[in-house]
N, C-alpha and C. Protein backbone atom coordinates (compact mmCIF):
# COMPACT_ATOMS: atom_id res chain seq x y z
N MET A 1 -7.47 16.99 33.28
CA MET A 1 -7.93 17.14 31.90
C MET A 1 -7.55 15.89 31.09
N GLN A 2 -8.50 15.39 30.31
CA GLN A 2 -8.25 14.21 29.49
C GLN A 2 -7.39 14.57 28.28
N ASN A 3 -6.68 13.57 27.80
CA ASN A 3 -5.91 13.74 26.57
C ASN A 3 -6.89 13.94 25.42
N SER A 4 -6.73 15.01 24.66
CA SER A 4 -7.67 15.33 23.58
C SER A 4 -7.29 14.69 22.26
N THR A 5 -6.22 13.90 22.24
CA THR A 5 -5.78 13.24 21.03
C THR A 5 -6.30 11.82 20.98
N LEU A 6 -6.88 11.45 19.85
CA LEU A 6 -7.28 10.06 19.66
C LEU A 6 -6.04 9.22 19.43
N ASN A 7 -6.09 7.97 19.83
CA ASN A 7 -4.98 7.08 19.53
C ASN A 7 -5.38 6.13 18.39
N LYS A 8 -4.45 5.32 17.98
CA LYS A 8 -4.69 4.41 16.85
C LYS A 8 -5.87 3.49 17.13
N THR A 9 -5.94 2.93 18.32
CA THR A 9 -7.01 1.99 18.67
C THR A 9 -8.37 2.67 18.56
N GLN A 10 -8.48 3.88 19.08
CA GLN A 10 -9.74 4.61 19.02
C GLN A 10 -10.13 4.92 17.58
N TRP A 11 -9.15 5.29 16.76
CA TRP A 11 -9.43 5.60 15.36
C TRP A 11 -9.92 4.35 14.62
N VAL A 12 -9.26 3.21 14.84
CA VAL A 12 -9.68 1.96 14.21
C VAL A 12 -11.09 1.59 14.66
N GLU A 13 -11.39 1.79 15.94
CA GLU A 13 -12.74 1.51 16.44
C GLU A 13 -13.78 2.37 15.72
N LEU A 14 -13.46 3.63 15.47
CA LEU A 14 -14.37 4.50 14.72
C LEU A 14 -14.58 3.98 13.30
N PHE A 15 -13.48 3.60 12.64
CA PHE A 15 -13.59 3.05 11.29
C PHE A 15 -14.47 1.79 11.28
N ARG A 16 -14.24 0.90 12.20
CA ARG A 16 -15.02 -0.34 12.27
C ARG A 16 -16.50 -0.03 12.54
N ALA A 17 -16.77 0.90 13.44
CA ALA A 17 -18.15 1.28 13.75
C ALA A 17 -18.85 1.88 12.52
N ALA A 18 -18.05 2.51 11.65
CA ALA A 18 -18.59 3.08 10.42
C ALA A 18 -18.73 2.04 9.32
N GLY A 19 -18.31 0.80 9.60
CA GLY A 19 -18.47 -0.28 8.64
C GLY A 19 -17.25 -0.61 7.80
N LEU A 20 -16.11 -0.02 8.10
CA LEU A 20 -14.91 -0.31 7.32
C LEU A 20 -14.26 -1.60 7.82
N ASP A 21 -13.91 -2.47 6.88
CA ASP A 21 -13.16 -3.67 7.23
C ASP A 21 -11.68 -3.42 6.91
N GLU A 22 -10.85 -4.43 7.09
CA GLU A 22 -9.40 -4.27 6.86
C GLU A 22 -9.11 -3.78 5.44
N ALA A 23 -9.79 -4.36 4.45
CA ALA A 23 -9.54 -3.97 3.06
C ALA A 23 -9.91 -2.50 2.83
N ALA A 24 -11.02 -2.06 3.40
CA ALA A 24 -11.43 -0.66 3.24
C ALA A 24 -10.46 0.28 3.93
N MET A 25 -9.96 -0.12 5.10
CA MET A 25 -8.99 0.72 5.80
C MET A 25 -7.69 0.81 5.01
N ARG A 26 -7.25 -0.29 4.39
CA ARG A 26 -6.04 -0.24 3.55
C ARG A 26 -6.26 0.69 2.37
N GLN A 27 -7.44 0.62 1.76
CA GLN A 27 -7.75 1.50 0.63
C GLN A 27 -7.76 2.97 1.08
N TRP A 28 -8.30 3.23 2.25
CA TRP A 28 -8.32 4.59 2.79
C TRP A 28 -6.89 5.11 2.93
N HIS A 29 -6.00 4.29 3.49
CA HIS A 29 -4.58 4.69 3.63
C HIS A 29 -3.94 4.90 2.26
N ARG A 30 -4.24 4.02 1.29
CA ARG A 30 -3.67 4.17 -0.05
C ARG A 30 -4.07 5.51 -0.65
N LEU A 31 -5.36 5.83 -0.56
CA LEU A 31 -5.82 7.09 -1.12
C LEU A 31 -5.20 8.29 -0.41
N PHE A 32 -5.13 8.23 0.89
CA PHE A 32 -4.54 9.31 1.69
C PHE A 32 -3.08 9.50 1.29
N GLU A 33 -2.34 8.40 1.19
CA GLU A 33 -0.92 8.47 0.82
C GLU A 33 -0.73 9.00 -0.59
N GLN A 34 -1.54 8.56 -1.53
CA GLN A 34 -1.41 8.99 -2.92
C GLN A 34 -1.77 10.45 -3.11
N ARG A 35 -2.82 10.89 -2.45
CA ARG A 35 -3.33 12.25 -2.67
C ARG A 35 -2.67 13.29 -1.76
N HIS A 36 -2.31 12.90 -0.55
CA HIS A 36 -1.79 13.85 0.42
C HIS A 36 -0.71 13.22 1.29
N PRO A 37 0.44 12.86 0.72
CA PRO A 37 1.45 12.12 1.48
C PRO A 37 1.95 12.85 2.74
N ALA A 38 2.19 14.14 2.66
CA ALA A 38 2.69 14.86 3.84
C ALA A 38 1.64 14.89 4.95
N GLN A 39 0.39 15.06 4.57
CA GLN A 39 -0.68 15.08 5.56
C GLN A 39 -0.93 13.69 6.14
N HIS A 40 -0.72 12.65 5.33
CA HIS A 40 -0.84 11.28 5.82
C HIS A 40 0.22 11.04 6.90
N GLN A 41 1.44 11.47 6.63
CA GLN A 41 2.52 11.36 7.61
C GLN A 41 2.14 12.10 8.90
N ALA A 42 1.67 13.32 8.74
CA ALA A 42 1.29 14.13 9.91
C ALA A 42 0.15 13.47 10.70
N PHE A 43 -0.80 12.88 10.00
CA PHE A 43 -1.92 12.20 10.66
C PHE A 43 -1.43 11.02 11.47
N LEU A 44 -0.56 10.21 10.90
CA LEU A 44 -0.02 9.04 11.61
C LEU A 44 0.78 9.48 12.83
N GLU A 45 1.52 10.57 12.71
CA GLU A 45 2.25 11.11 13.85
C GLU A 45 1.28 11.62 14.92
N TRP A 46 0.19 12.27 14.49
CA TRP A 46 -0.82 12.77 15.42
C TRP A 46 -1.42 11.63 16.24
N LEU A 47 -1.57 10.46 15.60
CA LEU A 47 -2.07 9.28 16.30
C LEU A 47 -1.01 8.66 17.21
N GLN A 48 0.17 9.23 17.20
CA GLN A 48 1.29 8.77 18.02
C GLN A 48 1.72 7.34 17.67
N ILE A 49 1.65 7.03 16.40
CA ILE A 49 2.13 5.74 15.91
C ILE A 49 3.64 5.82 15.82
N PRO A 50 4.36 4.83 16.34
CA PRO A 50 5.83 4.86 16.29
C PRO A 50 6.35 5.01 14.86
N ALA A 51 7.51 5.64 14.74
CA ALA A 51 8.10 5.94 13.43
C ALA A 51 8.24 4.71 12.54
N GLU A 52 8.68 3.60 13.11
CA GLU A 52 8.86 2.38 12.30
C GLU A 52 7.52 1.89 11.74
N GLU A 53 6.49 1.90 12.56
CA GLU A 53 5.16 1.47 12.10
C GLU A 53 4.60 2.46 11.08
N THR A 54 4.84 3.74 11.31
CA THR A 54 4.39 4.76 10.34
C THR A 54 5.03 4.51 8.98
N ALA A 55 6.32 4.23 8.97
CA ALA A 55 7.02 3.95 7.72
C ALA A 55 6.45 2.72 7.04
N GLN A 56 6.13 1.69 7.80
CA GLN A 56 5.54 0.47 7.25
C GLN A 56 4.16 0.75 6.64
N ILE A 57 3.34 1.51 7.36
CA ILE A 57 2.01 1.86 6.84
C ILE A 57 2.13 2.62 5.54
N ARG A 58 3.01 3.60 5.53
CA ARG A 58 3.16 4.41 4.33
C ARG A 58 3.72 3.61 3.16
N GLN A 59 4.68 2.73 3.43
CA GLN A 59 5.24 1.90 2.36
C GLN A 59 4.18 0.96 1.79
N ALA A 60 3.37 0.37 2.64
CA ALA A 60 2.31 -0.53 2.18
C ALA A 60 1.21 0.23 1.44
N SER A 61 1.14 1.53 1.65
CA SER A 61 0.10 2.34 1.03
C SER A 61 0.49 2.88 -0.33
N ARG A 62 1.70 2.63 -0.75
CA ARG A 62 2.17 3.16 -2.05
C ARG A 62 1.88 2.20 -3.17
C-alpha cells in the first residue's frame, strides 16, 4: 500500500502547477498562520516537515 500522505515536495509541486510562485506561497502561509494558526501547525506536521523548519515557516509567516 502506498503512503497516502503528501509530502512537502508534492505539495509545492501542486502549488506551482496551479500557478503559485514563491511570493504567492509565502502569502498563502501568512494567511493560514494569521487566520488559523493551530491548523497551520497541524498542516505542516501532516506534511512531515521537521519541527525546526516548521517553526521557521511559522515565524516567517507572522
